[in-house]
């Protein structure tokens, strides 16, 4: 029933936008006025790590590979209708990450509808991966990066100080484009800019804070990822975020807590939490940046094992031509709560954007 209601609501929304365009005597799609752009991303990474899990490589798990090879196709069919398509190439396989239409009308927030949408849980989840301070997002953020069919709305209010975003997606797991029930994954996020480049002394100060909330039902794929359980049930997630920048320095932190209520009788609830604190500083403005990140992740607070861990990342980035051409290195120190593994790692990566 909910699927039918959602479908009717979405159809009605798109019809209303088409009528608005018609009332202004404008075509919803005007190929003559269409604008198209093609860009890409290539990341080559050398990894030097000890890996107790991978017995095929012995103690050392060292390799050089393409971490990311992506193309982006984006454009506008008209001032009101745009599109975005992003495939990723992995060996002989091609995987579609994003593919959606975007609708922009003066009286409505921006609306995205497509086959794959990223859940907007936490700020760094929505941040452009090309400009992040470390090579990888924190564990709790990466675990939530799902690409699912759905719809998304977002807007900025109060002189663009208040940002809000909400999505309703498939809920059947990462990259799954089928849905055989009404168990959607729903996420809402807000962020408020308390200070926006306010002059303080010789530098500018910016401060923003926000939070996210999500709920999902019977998502076994996400339950296994977040809580390390292979069963279905109801999941509730909540997070808070803060980012502070002053001159060449930046401080960012995010915390997430989640609860899992198994559908199977006789199983206990599972409580997960995770966080990170990250500080960075440009030693040479716009050229050389240092970063330190400390993060913790516990998928089940009732169990202590190697999955409960604390990671410390030390990083250095040299921007040759901004983020279009840069070299990065990260040293990741991994500490498990029990049965500590020999799995520290050093990564060296070159990024090219075109």
Protein backbone atom coordinates (compact mmCIF):
# COMPACT_ATOMS: atom_id res chain seq x y z
CA UNK A 1 0.00 0.00 0.00
CA UNK A 2 2.80 2.43 0.89
CA UNK A 3 4.52 1.67 -2.40
CA UNK A 4 1.33 2.60 -4.26
CA UNK A 5 0.93 5.82 -2.28
CA UNK A 6 4.58 6.74 -2.90
CA UNK A 7 4.21 6.10 -6.61
CA UNK A 8 1.07 8.19 -6.83
CA UNK A 9 2.69 11.04 -4.87
CA UNK A 10 5.79 11.05 -7.08
CA UNK A 11 3.72 10.92 -10.26
CA UNK A 12 1.56 13.79 -9.01
CA UNK A 13 4.64 15.83 -8.14
CA UNK A 14 6.18 15.38 -11.58
CA UNK A 15 2.84 16.16 -13.22
CA UNK A 16 2.55 19.37 -11.17
CA UNK A 17 5.99 20.48 -12.31
CA UNK A 18 5.08 19.74 -15.92
CA UNK A 19 1.92 21.83 -15.56
CA UNK A 20 3.97 24.68 -14.07
CA UNK A 21 6.25 24.59 -17.08
CA UNK A 22 3.24 24.45 -19.39
CA UNK A 23 1.66 27.44 -17.63
CA UNK A 24 4.85 29.40 -18.38
CA UNK A 25 4.64 28.16 -21.97
CA UNK A 26 8.01 26.41 -21.61
CA UNK A 27 8.84 22.84 -22.66
CA UNK A 28 9.94 20.57 -19.81
CA UNK A 29 12.74 19.28 -22.05
CA UNK A 30 14.25 21.52 -24.71
CA UNK A 31 17.02 19.69 -26.57
CA UNK A 32 17.95 22.79 -28.54
CA UNK A 33 18.85 24.59 -25.31
CA UNK A 34 20.38 21.53 -23.66
CA UNK A 35 23.82 21.75 -22.03
CA UNK A 36 26.09 18.75 -21.52
CA UNK A 37 29.38 18.25 -19.69
CA UNK A 38 31.71 15.26 -19.42
CA UNK A 39 34.37 14.98 -16.72
CA UNK A 40 36.32 12.19 -15.10
CA UNK A 41 38.40 11.01 -12.18
CA UNK A 42 41.39 8.66 -12.06
CA UNK A 43 43.05 7.59 -8.81
CA UNK A 44 46.11 5.33 -8.85
CA UNK A 45 47.00 3.94 -5.43
CA UNK A 46 49.94 1.99 -4.01
CA UNK A 47 49.06 0.06 -0.83
CA UNK A 48 51.59 -1.36 1.60
CA UNK A 49 49.92 -3.25 4.42
CA UNK A 50 50.11 -6.33 6.59
CA UNK A 51 46.89 -8.30 6.32
CA UNK A 52 46.21 -11.30 8.55
CA UNK A 53 43.01 -12.10 6.63
CA UNK A 54 44.50 -12.57 3.16
CA UNK A 55 46.53 -15.80 3.33
CA UNK A 56 46.92 -15.85 -0.45
CA UNK A 57 49.41 -12.97 -0.25
CA UNK A 58 51.17 -14.07 2.91
CA UNK A 59 51.77 -11.51 5.64
CA UNK A 60 52.21 -8.58 3.29
CA UNK A 61 49.30 -7.34 1.19
CA UNK A 62 51.04 -4.90 -1.13
CA UNK A 63 49.69 -3.83 -4.50
CA UNK A 64 49.30 -1.00 -6.99
CA UNK A 65 45.89 -0.55 -8.59
CA UNK A 66 43.33 1.89 -9.91
CA UNK A 67 41.40 2.93 -6.80
CA UNK A 68 38.81 4.83 -8.83
CA UNK A 69 38.18 5.31 -12.54
CA UNK A 70 34.97 7.25 -13.08
CA UNK A 71 33.25 9.33 -15.71
CA UNK A 72 30.57 11.93 -15.02
CA UNK A 73 27.94 12.98 -17.52
CA UNK A 74 25.82 15.92 -16.43
CA UNK A 75 23.78 18.64 -18.03
CA UNK A 76 20.47 20.45 -18.35
CA UNK A 77 17.65 19.68 -20.73
CA UNK A 78 16.13 23.02 -19.71
CA UNK A 79 16.56 25.48 -16.81
CA UNK A 80 14.17 23.30 -14.81
CA UNK A 81 15.36 19.77 -15.67
CA UNK A 82 18.88 18.38 -15.40
CA UNK A 83 20.55 14.98 -15.24
CA UNK A 84 23.60 13.27 -13.77
CA UNK A 85 25.12 9.88 -14.68
CA UNK A 86 28.27 8.47 -13.09
CA UNK A 87 29.64 5.02 -13.98
CA UNK A 88 32.70 3.46 -12.36
CA UNK A 89 35.06 1.09 -14.16
CA UNK A 90 36.51 -1.82 -12.18
CA UNK A 91 38.58 -4.17 -14.27
CA UNK A 92 36.32 -5.73 -16.87
CA UNK A 93 33.19 -4.56 -15.02
CA UNK A 94 31.29 -1.27 -15.16
CA UNK A 95 29.13 -0.24 -12.22
CA UNK A 96 26.57 2.54 -12.22
CA UNK A 97 26.92 4.70 -9.10
CA UNK A 98 24.46 7.54 -9.76
CA UNK A 99 21.82 8.08 -12.44
CA UNK A 100 19.08 10.59 -11.79
CA UNK A 101 17.06 13.52 -13.03
CA UNK A 102 17.07 16.80 -11.10
CA UNK A 103 14.10 19.17 -11.12
CA UNK A 104 14.48 22.85 -10.18
CA UNK A 105 11.41 25.04 -9.83
CA UNK A 106 11.23 28.37 -8.01
CA UNK A 107 8.37 27.32 -5.72
CA UNK A 108 9.82 23.91 -4.86
CA UNK A 109 13.03 22.51 -3.35
CA UNK A 110 15.42 20.69 -5.67
CA UNK A 111 14.05 17.23 -6.41
CA UNK A 112 16.07 14.24 -7.54
CA UNK A 113 14.46 11.10 -8.99
CA UNK A 114 16.42 8.26 -10.47
CA UNK A 115 17.53 4.70 -10.45
CA UNK A 116 20.29 5.28 -7.87
CA UNK A 117 20.52 7.87 -5.09
CA UNK A 118 23.05 8.18 -2.25
CA UNK A 119 21.62 8.32 1.27
CA UNK A 120 22.61 11.74 2.73
CA UNK A 121 23.53 10.55 6.22
CA UNK A 122 26.22 12.84 7.73
CA UNK A 123 28.09 15.72 6.10
CA UNK A 124 31.16 13.80 4.90
CA UNK A 125 28.85 11.29 3.19
CA UNK A 126 27.67 14.08 0.91
CA UNK A 127 31.06 15.75 0.55
CA UNK A 128 32.88 15.47 -2.74
CA UNK A 129 35.33 12.58 -2.47
CA UNK A 130 37.79 14.48 -4.68
CA UNK A 131 38.51 17.07 -1.98
CA UNK A 132 38.38 15.10 1.29
CA UNK A 133 41.29 15.49 3.70
CA UNK A 134 42.03 11.73 3.89
CA UNK A 135 42.01 9.05 1.21
CA UNK A 136 39.00 7.31 2.72
CA UNK A 137 36.05 8.47 4.75
CA UNK A 138 35.69 7.26 8.34
CA UNK A 139 34.41 3.72 8.83
CA UNK A 140 30.98 4.75 10.09
CA UNK A 141 30.51 6.98 7.05
CA UNK A 142 31.71 4.44 4.49
CA UNK A 143 29.39 1.80 5.95
CA UNK A 144 26.40 4.02 5.14
CA UNK A 145 27.37 4.85 1.56
CA UNK A 146 24.63 2.96 -0.25
CA UNK A 147 23.49 3.64 -3.81
CA UNK A 148 19.83 2.73 -4.18
CA UNK A 149 16.87 3.71 -6.37
CA UNK A 150 14.77 6.45 -4.80
CA UNK A 151 13.85 10.11 -4.57
CA UNK A 152 15.55 13.02 -2.81
CA UNK A 153 14.64 16.59 -1.95
CA UNK A 154 16.98 19.33 -0.73
CA UNK A 155 17.01 23.09 -0.27
CA UNK A 156 18.74 25.98 1.49
CA UNK A 157 16.82 28.52 3.59
CA UNK A 158 17.57 31.57 5.77
CA UNK A 159 20.02 33.15 3.31
CA UNK A 160 21.39 29.68 2.56
CA UNK A 161 22.48 29.15 6.17
CA UNK A 162 20.06 26.28 6.78
CA UNK A 163 20.40 23.22 4.57
CA UNK A 164 18.01 20.28 4.64
CA UNK A 165 17.82 17.06 2.69
CA UNK A 166 15.63 13.94 2.78
CA UNK A 167 15.63 10.70 0.81
CA UNK A 168 13.44 7.63 0.50
CA UNK A 169 15.29 4.78 -1.19
CA UNK A 170 14.79 1.13 -2.03
CA UNK A 171 16.08 -0.34 1.22
CA UNK A 172 17.16 -3.64 -0.32
CA UNK A 173 20.88 -2.93 -0.15
CA UNK A 174 23.72 -1.36 -2.05
CA UNK A 175 23.30 -1.28 -5.86
CA UNK A 176 20.11 -3.36 -5.69
CA UNK A 177 17.55 -2.04 -8.18
CA UNK A 178 14.69 -4.35 -7.24
CA UNK A 179 12.14 -3.92 -4.48
CA UNK A 180 9.68 -6.62 -3.47
CA UNK A 181 8.21 -4.93 -0.37
CA UNK A 182 7.45 -1.57 1.27
CA UNK A 183 10.50 -1.55 3.53
CA UNK A 184 12.17 1.64 2.38
CA UNK A 185 15.28 3.31 3.79
CA UNK A 186 14.35 6.85 4.90
CA UNK A 187 16.93 9.50 5.86
CA UNK A 188 16.69 13.18 6.82
CA UNK A 189 19.56 15.60 7.45
CA UNK A 190 19.85 19.26 8.46
CA UNK A 191 22.90 21.51 8.73
CA UNK A 192 23.13 25.10 9.92
CA UNK A 193 25.97 27.57 9.27
CA UNK A 194 26.46 29.42 12.55
CA UNK A 195 29.36 31.45 11.15
CA UNK A 196 30.20 31.80 7.48
CA UNK A 197 33.73 33.19 6.89
CA UNK A 198 33.41 35.78 9.65
CA UNK A 199 36.59 37.91 9.95
CA UNK A 200 38.33 37.17 13.24
CA UNK A 201 41.72 38.78 13.54
CA UNK A 202 43.70 38.22 10.38
CA UNK A 203 41.74 35.10 9.37
CA UNK A 204 38.16 34.03 8.60
CA UNK A 205 36.12 31.75 10.86
CA UNK A 206 33.40 29.34 9.74
CA UNK A 207 31.33 27.03 11.95
CA UNK A 208 28.51 24.66 11.03
CA UNK A 209 26.63 21.93 12.87
CA UNK A 210 23.84 19.51 12.10
CA UNK A 211 22.32 16.10 12.50
CA UNK A 212 20.86 13.13 10.65
CA UNK A 213 18.17 10.55 11.34
CA UNK A 214 17.32 7.40 9.43
CA UNK A 215 15.15 4.32 9.68
CA UNK A 216 14.96 1.08 7.73
CA UNK A 217 12.98 -2.14 8.02
CA UNK A 218 14.19 -5.63 7.12
CA UNK A 219 17.38 -4.43 5.45
CA UNK A 220 19.59 -7.51 5.86
CA UNK A 221 22.40 -6.10 3.73
CA UNK A 222 22.70 -2.96 5.87
CA UNK A 223 22.23 -4.94 9.10
CA UNK A 224 25.20 -7.13 8.24
CA UNK A 225 27.29 -4.08 7.33
CA UNK A 226 26.50 -1.98 10.40
CA UNK A 227 25.81 -4.53 13.13
CA UNK A 228 27.64 -7.63 11.85
CA UNK A 229 24.43 -9.70 12.01
CA UNK A 230 22.97 -11.78 9.19
CA UNK A 231 19.29 -11.40 9.88
CA UNK A 232 16.44 -9.00 9.18
CA UNK A 233 14.95 -6.43 11.52
CA UNK A 234 14.22 -2.76 12.19
CA UNK A 235 17.12 -0.31 12.17
CA UNK A 236 17.22 3.22 13.60
CA UNK A 237 20.18 5.55 13.06
CA UNK A 238 20.98 9.01 14.47
CA UNK A 239 24.03 11.20 14.03
CA UNK A 240 25.45 14.64 14.82
CA UNK A 241 28.14 16.61 12.99
CA UNK A 242 30.30 19.74 13.37
CA UNK A 243 32.88 21.47 11.19
CA UNK A 244 35.09 24.44 12.12
CA UNK A 245 37.55 26.25 9.87
CA UNK A 246 39.84 29.13 10.78
CA UNK A 247 42.34 30.35 8.26
CA UNK A 248 44.41 27.37 7.12
CA UNK A 249 43.14 25.06 9.88
CA UNK A 250 40.03 22.85 9.95
CA UNK A 251 38.42 20.63 12.59
CA UNK A 252 35.62 18.19 11.82
CA UNK A 253 33.83 15.55 13.88
CA UNK A 254 30.83 13.26 13.44
CA UNK A 255 29.15 10.74 15.75
CA UNK A 256 26.58 8.09 14.92
CA UNK A 257 24.54 5.72 17.07
CA UNK A 258 22.32 2.97 15.69
CA UNK A 259 20.00 0.31 17.10
CA UNK A 260 18.90 -2.95 15.52
CA UNK A 261 15.77 -4.84 16.59
CA UNK A 262 15.84 -8.33 15.02
CA UNK A 263 12.62 -9.61 13.46
CA UNK A 264 13.49 -13.12 14.60
CA UNK A 265 12.17 -13.87 18.09
CA UNK A 266 14.67 -14.81 20.76
CA UNK A 267 17.46 -12.59 19.43
CA UNK A 268 18.74 -9.62 21.43
CA UNK A 269 18.80 -6.04 20.21
CA UNK A 270 22.14 -4.78 18.92
CA UNK A 271 23.54 -1.31 19.66
CA UNK A 272 26.27 0.20 17.47
CA UNK A 273 28.15 3.46 17.64
CA UNK A 274 31.05 5.14 15.91
CA UNK A 275 32.75 8.50 15.60
CA UNK A 276 35.74 10.36 14.26
CA UNK A 277 37.63 13.58 15.01
CA UNK A 278 39.80 15.06 12.27
CA UNK A 279 42.07 18.08 12.18
CA UNK A 280 43.93 19.45 9.16
CA UNK A 281 46.26 22.35 8.46
CA UNK A 282 47.74 23.86 5.28
CA UNK A 283 51.46 24.26 6.02
CA UNK A 284 51.76 25.90 2.61
CA UNK A 285 48.46 27.61 1.72
CA UNK A 286 46.64 25.79 -1.11
CA UNK A 287 49.68 23.53 -1.61
CA UNK A 288 50.74 21.33 1.31
CA UNK A 289 48.22 20.01 3.85
CA UNK A 290 48.70 17.81 6.90
CA UNK A 291 45.89 15.86 8.58
CA UNK A 292 45.31 13.73 11.66
CA UNK A 293 42.16 11.66 12.10
CA UNK A 294 41.14 9.47 15.04
CA UNK A 295 38.10 7.23 14.71
CA UNK A 296 36.34 4.49 16.62
CA UNK A 297 33.79 1.89 15.57
CA UNK A 298 31.87 -0.72 17.62
CA UNK A 299 29.22 -2.73 15.72
CA UNK A 300 27.89 -4.39 18.90
CA UNK A 301 28.54 -2.93 22.36
CA UNK A 302 27.75 -6.32 23.97
CA UNK A 303 30.61 -8.10 22.19
CA UNK A 304 34.33 -7.38 22.24
CA UNK A 305 36.33 -8.70 19.28
CA UNK A 306 38.53 -7.58 16.39
CA UNK A 307 35.59 -5.70 14.82
CA UNK A 308 35.71 -3.16 17.68
CA UNK A 309 38.54 -0.92 16.59
CA UNK A 310 40.22 2.45 16.79
CA UNK A 311 42.05 3.85 13.78
CA UNK A 312 44.51 6.73 13.63
CA UNK A 313 45.29 8.26 10.23
CA UNK A 314 48.27 10.52 9.59
CA UNK A 315 48.18 12.17 6.19
CA UNK A 316 50.00 14.53 3.87
CA UNK A 317 48.67 16.03 0.63
CA UNK A 318 50.55 18.01 -2.01
CA UNK A 319 48.30 19.86 -4.45
CA UNK A 320 50.21 20.27 -7.70
CA UNK A 321 47.29 21.84 -9.55
CA UNK A 322 44.60 22.13 -6.93
CA UNK A 323 42.56 18.94 -6.55
CA UNK A 324 42.81 18.33 -10.30
CA UNK A 325 46.32 16.94 -9.81
CA UNK A 326 47.58 15.98 -6.38
CA UNK A 327 49.64 13.41 -4.48
CA UNK A 328 48.47 12.05 -1.12
CA UNK A 329 49.88 9.68 1.43
CA UNK A 330 48.15 8.20 4.50
CA UNK A 331 49.54 6.06 7.31
CA UNK A 332 46.72 4.19 9.08
CA UNK A 333 47.34 2.66 12.52
CA UNK A 334 44.65 0.09 13.32
CA UNK A 335 44.02 -1.10 16.88
CA UNK A 336 41.48 -3.85 17.66
CA UNK A 337 39.88 -4.22 21.09
CA UNK A 338 40.55 -7.98 21.17
CA UNK A 339 42.81 -10.31 19.19
CA UNK A 340 44.76 -7.36 17.82
CA UNK A 341 45.73 -7.84 14.17
CA UNK A 342 48.87 -6.85 12.30
CA UNK A 343 47.08 -4.67 9.75
CA UNK A 344 48.60 -1.19 9.76
CA UNK A 345 48.85 0.31 6.29
CA UNK A 346 50.59 2.97 4.20
CA UNK A 347 48.87 4.35 1.09
CA UNK A 348 50.27 6.56 -1.65
CA UNK A 349 47.84 7.93 -4.24
CA UNK A 350 47.87 10.18 -7.30
CA UNK A 351 44.62 11.81 -8.39
CA UNK A 352 43.87 13.31 -11.79
CA UNK A 353 40.59 15.09 -12.59
CA UNK A 354 39.70 16.09 -16.11
